[in-house]
Amino acid sequence: MKILIEALHGLGDTVCLLPMIVKVREKYPEAEITVLLKFGINKAIIEASKIKIEHVFILNMYSSDVLSTLKKLIFLHNQNFDLAISSANTPINKAKLFMKLINPKKVVGLQHEKNLCFDLLHDKYHFVEANLMAIKSLDISSQDHIAPKLYAETSIKTQLRKDMQLNSSMKLIGLCIGDADFSYRNRWLRTGKVFTRGWGISNMLSLTRELLAKTYTVVLIGGKLEENLLENIPNEILENKNLINMVNKTNLQESMALVTLCDVAVGVDTGMMHIADALGVKTVSIFGPTNPKTHGAYSDQASFVEADLPCKYCYGTKNYVECKDRECLKCINVMDVLRAMKL
């Protein structure tokens, strides 16, 4: 039996899909499973889950290389999949069109059976739960509380600990300094980039100062997009003996190993918070436009900081992208985050 699982989304979404993949593998232990990812970096999530997956295929439908995309679609079509499953957060029309192009023998998903996707369920269910709901028609129970699980490579952890010369007597705080993935004001033209969930580098800098003053070791975590943010951090901070700058110095496998060395990881609603949580690390996430009960890290050890404003949780509305002040994030101060960390 050949099964295709569509996961054409970000890192956090891929993490939230893992419990569903676990259930599918349990249901079909001998099946040949292909997981379809949007970005090559997401492959590290699948590998770190330790789930038996035969094939990982990368397909970015927004790639400028139209010919390559067409060839990949033809290849997938020719695989003659027996079963294909859509991620719960894939838009309805996009999910249906994609499956018509691939033409599997059977298609499963909320979009195909109930004309639903996560955008229509975001105020009721978590991403993890919505993905489990997507496979109920396969007689797979979605009642079990299954949290995503990831496993970092021990050898990488050992090398990082050695390279960073960590002081074992000091708590290590991981700060994911980025503003999370951006949205577009015009989704079709891919223009008008907006960081809808960002707390801001000035707040991250203030938090860093407070933590260093309390004699914690702070490690800055981020990728290429976050490297420009370092320009806003004074040299006196970057050169502090208790600060370790790992921004754009690790690949995703190394970032996963790095975060497991932390006593707590702090950031906004971003993929790294889901990753840290799935690795068993305590997380403190800063929320505003999205609801932590639906978008947040899924385990019981995850903590969230949010403002009590009537306009929060605007995800799914026009205001999510068009809001001009982001007051739900601006009014969260450093002390709110420190208290949530419970150090």
Protein backbone atom coordinates (compact mmCIF):
# COMPACT_ATOMS: atom_id res chain seq x y z
CA MET A 1 0.00 0.00 0.00
CA LYS A 2 1.35 3.42 -0.99
CA ILE A 3 0.34 6.40 1.17
CA LEU A 4 1.02 10.09 0.59
CA ILE A 5 0.80 12.56 3.50
CA GLU A 6 0.68 16.19 2.36
CA ALA A 7 2.55 18.52 4.74
CA LEU A 8 3.20 21.59 2.59
CA HIS A 9 3.57 24.00 5.51
CA GLY A 10 6.08 25.47 7.97
CA LEU A 11 8.24 23.89 10.65
CA GLY A 12 5.71 24.22 13.47
CA ASP A 13 2.95 22.81 11.29
CA THR A 14 5.14 19.83 10.47
CA VAL A 15 5.71 19.19 14.18
CA CYS A 16 1.96 19.34 14.81
CA LEU A 17 1.42 16.76 12.06
CA LEU A 18 3.62 14.12 13.71
CA PRO A 19 0.95 12.50 15.95
CA MET A 20 -1.21 11.93 12.89
CA ILE A 21 1.70 10.31 11.04
CA VAL A 22 2.30 8.07 14.07
CA LYS A 23 -1.33 6.93 13.95
CA VAL A 24 -1.21 6.25 10.22
CA ARG A 25 1.96 4.19 10.63
CA GLU A 26 0.32 2.18 13.45
CA LYS A 27 -2.73 1.54 11.26
CA TYR A 28 -0.69 0.54 8.22
CA PRO A 29 2.59 -0.95 9.55
CA GLU A 30 3.63 -2.40 6.18
CA ALA A 31 2.65 0.57 4.02
CA GLU A 32 5.09 2.61 1.94
CA ILE A 33 4.61 6.14 3.28
CA THR A 34 5.71 9.29 1.49
CA VAL A 35 5.62 12.61 3.34
CA LEU A 36 5.41 15.65 1.11
CA LEU A 37 7.15 18.74 2.52
CA LYS A 38 7.32 22.36 1.39
CA PHE A 39 10.95 23.03 2.33
CA GLY A 40 14.05 20.88 2.53
CA ILE A 41 14.74 22.08 6.08
CA ASN A 42 11.50 20.44 7.23
CA LYS A 43 13.04 17.06 6.48
CA ALA A 44 15.02 17.34 9.72
CA ILE A 45 11.73 17.32 11.65
CA ILE A 46 10.65 14.05 10.07
CA GLU A 47 14.06 12.49 10.69
CA ALA A 48 14.13 13.63 14.33
CA SER A 49 10.69 12.10 14.95
CA LYS A 50 12.14 8.59 14.47
CA ILE A 51 8.91 7.56 12.72
CA LYS A 52 9.42 4.98 10.02
CA ILE A 53 8.97 6.91 6.77
CA GLU A 54 10.03 5.42 3.43
CA HIS A 55 10.19 8.61 1.37
CA VAL A 56 10.39 12.36 1.99
CA PHE A 57 9.63 14.52 -1.04
CA ILE A 58 10.10 18.29 -1.32
CA LEU A 59 7.61 20.34 -3.31
CA ASN A 60 7.30 24.13 -3.09
CA MET A 61 4.28 25.10 -5.17
CA TYR A 62 5.41 28.74 -5.07
CA SER A 63 8.82 28.00 -6.57
CA SER A 64 9.85 30.20 -9.49
CA ASP A 65 11.10 27.06 -11.27
CA VAL A 66 7.80 26.18 -12.89
CA LEU A 67 9.24 23.40 -15.04
CA SER A 68 10.76 21.63 -12.04
CA THR A 69 7.48 21.92 -10.12
CA LEU A 70 5.57 20.46 -13.07
CA LYS A 71 7.98 17.54 -13.30
CA LYS A 72 7.55 16.83 -9.59
CA LEU A 73 3.76 16.87 -9.90
CA ILE A 74 3.94 14.45 -12.83
CA PHE A 75 6.24 12.20 -10.81
CA LEU A 76 3.81 12.17 -7.88
CA HIS A 77 0.88 11.51 -10.21
CA ASN A 78 2.70 8.51 -11.66
CA GLN A 79 3.22 6.98 -8.20
CA ASN A 80 -0.42 5.81 -8.20
CA PHE A 81 -0.89 6.33 -4.47
CA ASP A 82 -3.55 4.13 -2.85
CA LEU A 83 -4.25 6.76 -0.19
CA ALA A 84 -3.47 10.45 0.19
CA ILE A 85 -4.08 12.58 3.30
CA SER A 86 -4.33 16.38 3.37
CA SER A 87 -3.02 18.42 6.28
CA ALA A 88 -5.88 19.98 8.23
CA ASN A 89 -4.57 23.52 7.71
CA THR A 90 -4.31 23.36 3.91
CA PRO A 91 -6.94 25.69 2.36
CA ILE A 92 -9.92 23.80 0.97
CA ASN A 93 -9.60 24.73 -2.70
CA LYS A 94 -5.84 24.25 -2.69
CA ALA A 95 -6.17 20.81 -1.09
CA LYS A 96 -8.80 19.67 -3.58
CA LEU A 97 -6.89 20.95 -6.62
CA PHE A 98 -3.67 19.37 -5.47
CA MET A 99 -5.24 15.96 -4.97
CA LYS A 100 -6.87 16.14 -8.40
CA LEU A 101 -3.42 16.68 -9.89
CA ILE A 102 -1.92 13.76 -7.95
CA ASN A 103 -5.01 11.54 -8.49
CA PRO A 104 -4.66 9.00 -5.66
CA LYS A 105 -7.19 6.16 -5.43
CA LYS A 106 -8.55 7.49 -2.14
CA VAL A 107 -8.31 10.96 -0.55
CA VAL A 108 -8.79 11.66 3.15
CA GLY A 109 -9.03 14.99 4.94
CA LEU A 110 -11.48 17.48 6.39
CA GLN A 111 -11.37 19.49 3.18
CA HIS A 112 -12.52 16.54 1.08
CA GLU A 113 -15.10 15.07 3.43
CA LYS A 114 -16.60 18.09 5.21
CA ASN A 115 -15.39 21.14 3.27
CA LEU A 116 -13.44 22.18 6.35
CA CYS A 117 -9.86 23.17 7.07
CA PHE A 118 -8.13 24.54 10.13
CA ASP A 119 -8.96 28.17 9.26
CA LEU A 120 -12.59 27.27 9.94
CA LEU A 121 -11.77 25.32 13.10
CA HIS A 122 -9.10 27.53 14.64
CA ASP A 123 -11.25 28.65 17.58
CA LYS A 124 -12.13 25.06 18.60
CA TYR A 125 -9.23 22.71 18.03
CA HIS A 126 -5.46 22.62 18.22
CA PHE A 127 -3.46 21.92 15.05
CA VAL A 128 -2.54 18.51 16.46
CA GLU A 129 -6.18 17.63 17.14
CA ALA A 130 -7.38 18.89 13.76
CA ASN A 131 -4.84 16.69 11.98
CA LEU A 132 -6.00 13.67 13.97
CA MET A 133 -9.59 14.50 13.06
CA ALA A 134 -8.55 14.39 9.40
CA ILE A 135 -8.01 10.61 9.58
CA LYS A 136 -11.12 9.58 11.51
CA SER A 137 -12.65 8.11 8.35
CA LEU A 138 -9.83 5.55 8.33
CA ASP A 139 -11.19 4.16 11.61
CA ILE A 140 -8.31 5.74 13.49
CA SER A 141 -9.27 7.15 16.88
CA SER A 142 -8.55 10.84 17.44
CA GLN A 143 -9.43 10.74 21.13
CA ASP A 144 -5.97 9.95 22.46
CA HIS A 145 -3.93 12.91 23.67
CA ILE A 146 -0.76 12.37 21.65
CA ALA A 147 1.88 15.08 21.81
CA PRO A 148 4.53 15.47 19.10
CA LYS A 149 7.88 13.90 19.99
CA LEU A 150 11.31 14.75 18.61
CA TYR A 151 14.73 13.36 19.51
CA ALA A 152 17.98 15.32 19.19
CA GLU A 153 21.21 13.58 18.25
CA THR A 154 23.33 12.87 21.33
CA SER A 155 26.61 13.32 19.47
CA ILE A 156 25.63 16.81 18.35
CA LYS A 157 24.59 17.74 21.90
CA THR A 158 27.90 16.55 23.26
CA GLN A 159 29.88 18.54 20.68
CA LEU A 160 27.84 21.71 21.27
CA ARG A 161 28.28 21.46 25.02
CA LYS A 162 32.02 21.17 24.47
CA ASP A 163 32.23 24.00 21.92
CA MET A 164 30.20 26.43 24.04
CA GLN A 165 32.12 25.58 27.23
CA LEU A 166 28.93 25.72 29.27
CA ASN A 167 29.05 26.42 32.99
CA SER A 168 27.00 23.60 34.47
CA SER A 169 26.23 25.64 37.59
CA MET A 170 24.38 28.35 35.63
CA LYS A 171 20.95 28.01 34.05
CA LEU A 172 20.96 28.26 30.25
CA ILE A 173 18.17 30.31 28.68
CA GLY A 174 17.47 29.94 24.97
CA LEU A 175 16.09 33.10 23.35
CA CYS A 176 14.56 32.65 19.91
CA ILE A 177 14.91 36.29 18.91
CA GLY A 178 12.94 36.23 15.65
CA ASP A 179 9.48 37.58 14.88
CA ALA A 180 8.18 34.27 13.46
CA ASP A 181 7.09 33.54 9.92
CA PHE A 182 5.61 36.42 7.99
CA SER A 183 2.27 36.68 6.23
CA TYR A 184 1.44 38.52 3.01
CA ARG A 185 -1.09 41.30 2.61
CA ASN A 186 -1.72 39.84 -0.84
CA ARG A 187 -1.43 36.05 -0.66
CA TRP A 188 -1.79 35.54 -4.41
CA LEU A 189 0.81 38.07 -5.53
CA ARG A 190 3.05 37.26 -2.52
CA THR A 191 3.52 40.94 -1.66
CA GLY A 192 3.20 43.09 1.47
CA LYS A 193 5.24 41.12 4.00
CA VAL A 194 3.92 41.44 7.59
CA PHE A 195 5.38 39.89 10.75
CA THR A 196 2.04 39.31 12.44
CA ARG A 197 3.31 37.62 15.63
CA GLY A 198 6.48 39.58 16.40
CA TRP A 199 7.32 40.90 19.88
CA GLY A 200 10.24 42.91 18.52
CA ILE A 201 14.00 42.81 18.89
CA SER A 202 13.95 45.75 21.34
CA ASN A 203 11.92 43.66 23.77
CA MET A 204 14.20 40.66 23.22
CA LEU A 205 17.18 42.93 23.96
CA SER A 206 15.60 44.16 27.19
CA LEU A 207 14.86 40.58 28.22
CA THR A 208 18.47 39.63 27.46
CA ARG A 209 19.75 42.45 29.68
CA GLU A 210 17.54 41.32 32.57
CA LEU A 211 18.64 37.71 32.28
CA LEU A 212 22.33 38.58 32.11
CA ALA A 213 21.93 40.82 35.14
CA LYS A 214 20.53 37.83 37.02
CA THR A 215 23.68 35.86 36.07
CA TYR A 216 22.01 33.39 33.73
CA THR A 217 23.74 32.19 30.59
CA VAL A 218 21.79 33.28 27.51
CA VAL A 219 22.07 31.67 24.09
CA LEU A 220 20.59 33.54 21.12
CA ILE A 221 18.89 31.19 18.66
CA GLY A 222 17.87 31.99 15.11
CA GLY A 223 18.56 31.44 11.44
CA LYS A 224 19.54 33.54 8.47
CA LEU A 225 16.45 35.75 8.75
CA GLU A 226 17.36 36.65 12.33
CA GLU A 227 20.98 37.56 11.56
CA ASN A 228 20.00 41.13 10.62
CA LEU A 229 18.41 41.55 14.05
CA LEU A 230 21.83 41.30 15.66
CA GLU A 231 22.56 44.82 14.39
CA ASN A 232 20.14 46.05 17.07
CA ILE A 233 22.09 44.39 19.88
CA PRO A 234 25.03 46.44 21.25
CA ASN A 235 28.50 44.93 21.30
CA GLU A 236 28.57 45.20 25.08
CA ILE A 237 25.79 42.62 25.15
CA LEU A 238 27.11 40.40 22.35
CA GLU A 239 30.54 40.35 24.03
CA ASN A 240 29.18 39.53 27.49
CA LYS A 241 30.91 36.41 28.81
CA ASN A 242 27.53 34.88 29.70
CA LEU A 243 25.98 35.40 26.26
CA ILE A 244 26.39 32.87 23.46
CA ASN A 245 25.40 34.02 19.99
CA MET A 246 24.36 31.03 17.85
CA VAL A 247 22.23 32.95 15.34
CA ASN A 248 22.73 31.51 11.86
CA LYS A 249 25.54 29.30 13.17
CA THR A 250 23.62 26.03 13.31
CA ASN A 251 21.54 23.95 10.95
CA LEU A 252 18.18 22.68 12.17
CA GLN A 253 19.57 19.42 13.55
CA GLU A 254 22.13 21.42 15.55
CA SER A 255 19.48 23.92 16.66
CA MET A 256 17.39 21.04 18.01
CA ALA A 257 20.38 19.71 19.92
CA LEU A 258 21.17 23.22 21.16
CA VAL A 259 17.70 23.86 22.55
CA THR A 260 17.76 20.59 24.52
CA LEU A 261 20.70 22.00 26.49
CA CYS A 262 18.51 24.90 27.66
CA ASP A 263 16.60 25.00 30.93
CA VAL A 264 13.90 27.03 29.19
CA ALA A 265 13.33 28.31 25.65
CA VAL A 266 11.61 31.67 25.06
CA GLY A 267 10.12 33.05 21.86
CA VAL A 268 6.99 34.13 20.05
CA ASP A 269 4.51 31.82 18.31
CA THR A 270 7.03 30.19 16.01
CA GLY A 271 8.17 26.79 14.82
CA MET A 272 11.08 26.64 17.25
CA MET A 273 8.70 26.73 20.23
CA HIS A 274 6.92 23.66 18.86
CA ILE A 275 10.27 22.01 18.23
CA ALA A 276 11.58 22.77 21.73
CA ASP A 277 8.37 21.50 23.31
CA ALA A 278 8.46 18.27 21.28
CA LEU A 279 12.05 17.80 22.47
CA GLY A 280 10.88 17.94 26.09
CA VAL A 281 12.17 21.44 26.85
CA LYS A 282 10.20 23.88 28.98
CA THR A 283 8.93 26.73 26.78
CA VAL A 284 7.58 30.24 27.38
CA SER A 285 5.83 31.62 24.30
CA ILE A 286 4.60 35.18 23.70
CA PHE A 287 1.17 35.24 22.07
CA GLY A 288 -1.23 37.84 20.70
CA PRO A 289 -2.96 37.37 17.32
CA THR A 290 -3.05 33.58 17.69
CA ASN A 291 -4.58 31.50 20.46
CA PRO A 292 -2.15 29.29 22.41
CA LYS A 293 -4.92 26.71 22.87
CA THR A 294 -4.94 26.17 19.11
CA HIS A 295 -1.49 27.32 17.94
CA GLY A 296 0.72 26.85 21.00
CA ALA A 297 3.15 24.15 22.02
CA TYR A 298 1.06 21.09 22.85
CA SER A 299 2.51 19.65 26.06
CA ASP A 300 1.58 20.43 29.65
CA GLN A 301 4.97 22.01 30.36
CA ALA A 302 4.42 24.83 27.85
CA SER A 303 3.69 28.31 29.27
CA PHE A 304 2.20 31.28 27.45
CA VAL A 305 2.29 35.03 27.97
CA GLU A 306 -0.53 37.08 26.51
CA ALA A 307 -2.39 40.32 27.08
CA ASP A 308 -6.02 40.45 28.14
CA LEU A 309 -7.33 42.53 25.24
CA PRO A 310 -10.65 42.10 23.41
CA CYS A 311 -8.92 42.28 20.02
CA LYS A 312 -6.51 39.37 20.61
CA TYR A 313 -6.86 36.09 18.72
CA CYS A 314 -7.57 37.88 15.44
CA TYR A 315 -6.14 34.97 13.44
CA GLY A 316 -8.59 34.05 10.70
CA THR A 317 -9.84 37.62 10.31
CA LYS A 318 -8.68 40.49 8.09
CA ASN A 319 -7.25 42.21 11.15
CA TYR A 320 -4.66 39.45 11.50
CA VAL A 321 -2.71 40.93 8.59
CA GLU A 322 -4.10 44.47 8.45
CA CYS A 323 -3.70 45.46 12.13
CA LYS A 324 -1.47 48.55 12.34
CA ASP A 325 -0.51 48.69 16.03
CA ARG A 326 -0.26 45.04 17.30
CA GLU A 327 -1.25 46.28 20.76
CA CYS A 328 -1.80 42.70 21.93
CA LEU A 329 1.95 42.17 21.62
CA LYS A 330 3.21 45.65 22.44
CA CYS A 331 1.64 45.72 25.88
CA ILE A 332 3.43 42.54 26.98
CA ASN A 333 6.47 43.64 28.96
CA VAL A 334 9.70 41.96 29.96
CA MET A 335 8.61 41.36 33.54
CA ASP A 336 5.54 39.46 32.31
CA VAL A 337 7.87 37.09 30.47
CA LEU A 338 10.30 36.74 33.39
CA ARG A 339 7.48 35.81 35.75
CA ALA A 340 6.27 33.14 33.32
CA MET A 341 9.77 31.64 33.17
CA LYS A 342 9.66 30.87 36.92
CA LEU A 343 13.42 30.67 37.20
